[in-house]
């Protein structure tokens, strides 16, 4: 697979982006925002990012956010690997 290279996007930008992701992930402490949630809080309905009548809860929202963060970090890592392999 050929990796398109954009001459307007310097290599250091990828390295900086990954460094920032690692920095924030290292400092992300779920206890900072999850410890304040009780079982009652987690059972409350959540209308984001789903329709209000979807029947999903704050616990679903927390799980979704976790998956999104992991997916985004994986995508950045994949782009970093592709960039490194492409030159």
Protein backbone atom coordinates (compact mmCIF):
# COMPACT_ATOMS: atom_id res chain seq x y z
CA UNK A 1 0.00 0.00 0.00
CA UNK A 2 1.35 3.37 -0.96
CA UNK A 3 1.25 5.99 1.75
CA UNK A 4 0.52 9.42 0.34
CA UNK A 5 2.85 12.03 1.68
CA UNK A 6 1.83 15.61 2.01
CA UNK A 7 4.83 17.90 1.70
CA UNK A 8 2.88 20.59 3.55
CA UNK A 9 2.66 18.32 6.61
CA UNK A 10 6.11 17.95 8.14
CA UNK A 11 7.16 14.75 9.88
CA UNK A 12 7.60 16.50 13.22
CA UNK A 13 3.87 17.27 13.26
CA UNK A 14 3.09 13.56 13.52
CA UNK A 15 5.64 13.10 16.28
CA UNK A 16 4.29 16.11 18.17
CA UNK A 17 0.70 14.87 17.85
CA UNK A 18 1.63 11.45 19.20
CA UNK A 19 3.65 12.98 22.04
CA UNK A 20 0.63 15.06 23.05
CA UNK A 21 -1.63 12.00 22.99
CA UNK A 22 0.81 10.09 25.20
CA UNK A 23 1.12 13.06 27.54
CA UNK A 24 -2.63 13.35 28.02
CA UNK A 25 -3.20 9.59 28.29
CA UNK A 26 -0.52 9.31 30.96
CA UNK A 27 -2.23 11.99 33.02
CA UNK A 28 -5.77 10.80 32.46
CA UNK A 29 -7.03 9.40 35.73
CA UNK A 30 -10.52 7.93 35.51
CA UNK A 31 -10.85 8.40 39.25
CA UNK A 32 -10.90 12.16 38.66
CA UNK A 33 -14.36 12.02 37.13
CA UNK A 34 -15.70 8.52 37.77
CA UNK A 35 -15.29 8.45 41.54
CA UNK A 36 -17.98 11.08 41.89
CA UNK A 37 -20.53 8.96 40.04
CA UNK A 38 -22.80 6.70 42.03
CA UNK A 39 -24.76 3.74 40.70
CA UNK A 40 -27.78 6.02 40.60
CA UNK A 41 -25.84 8.53 38.46
CA UNK A 42 -24.70 5.78 36.09
CA UNK A 43 -28.26 4.51 35.73
CA UNK A 44 -29.64 7.91 34.69
CA UNK A 45 -30.79 8.25 31.08
CA UNK A 46 -28.34 9.79 28.64
CA UNK A 47 -29.47 11.47 25.44
CA UNK A 48 -25.96 11.97 24.11
CA UNK A 49 -24.79 10.85 21.57
CA UNK A 50 -27.97 8.87 21.05
CA UNK A 51 -31.59 9.96 20.71
CA UNK A 52 -33.31 10.62 24.01
CA UNK A 53 -35.67 7.68 23.56
CA UNK A 54 -32.87 5.15 22.96
CA UNK A 55 -33.06 3.99 26.56
CA UNK A 56 -29.31 4.27 27.17
CA UNK A 57 -27.71 5.43 30.39
CA UNK A 58 -24.76 7.46 31.64
CA UNK A 59 -22.92 4.13 32.06
CA UNK A 60 -23.33 3.59 28.31
CA UNK A 61 -21.99 7.09 27.71
CA UNK A 62 -18.91 6.43 29.88
CA UNK A 63 -18.24 3.19 27.99
CA UNK A 64 -18.70 4.94 24.63
CA UNK A 65 -16.26 7.72 25.58
CA UNK A 66 -13.70 5.11 26.63
CA UNK A 67 -14.01 3.28 23.31
CA UNK A 68 -13.77 6.54 21.34
CA UNK A 69 -10.58 7.55 23.18
CA UNK A 70 -9.01 4.15 22.54
CA UNK A 71 -10.05 4.28 18.88
CA UNK A 72 -8.62 7.76 18.39
CA UNK A 73 -5.32 6.83 20.04
CA UNK A 74 -5.12 3.70 17.86
CA UNK A 75 -5.82 5.72 14.71
CA UNK A 76 -3.10 8.23 15.55
CA UNK A 77 -0.71 5.37 16.28
CA UNK A 78 -1.57 3.72 12.96
CA UNK A 79 -0.97 6.98 11.09
CA UNK A 80 2.34 7.35 12.88
CA UNK A 81 3.38 3.84 11.84
CA UNK A 82 2.30 4.44 8.24
CA UNK A 83 4.21 7.68 8.16
CA UNK A 84 7.33 6.02 9.56
CA UNK A 85 7.07 3.16 7.05
CA UNK A 86 6.56 5.52 4.15
CA UNK A 87 9.73 7.43 4.56
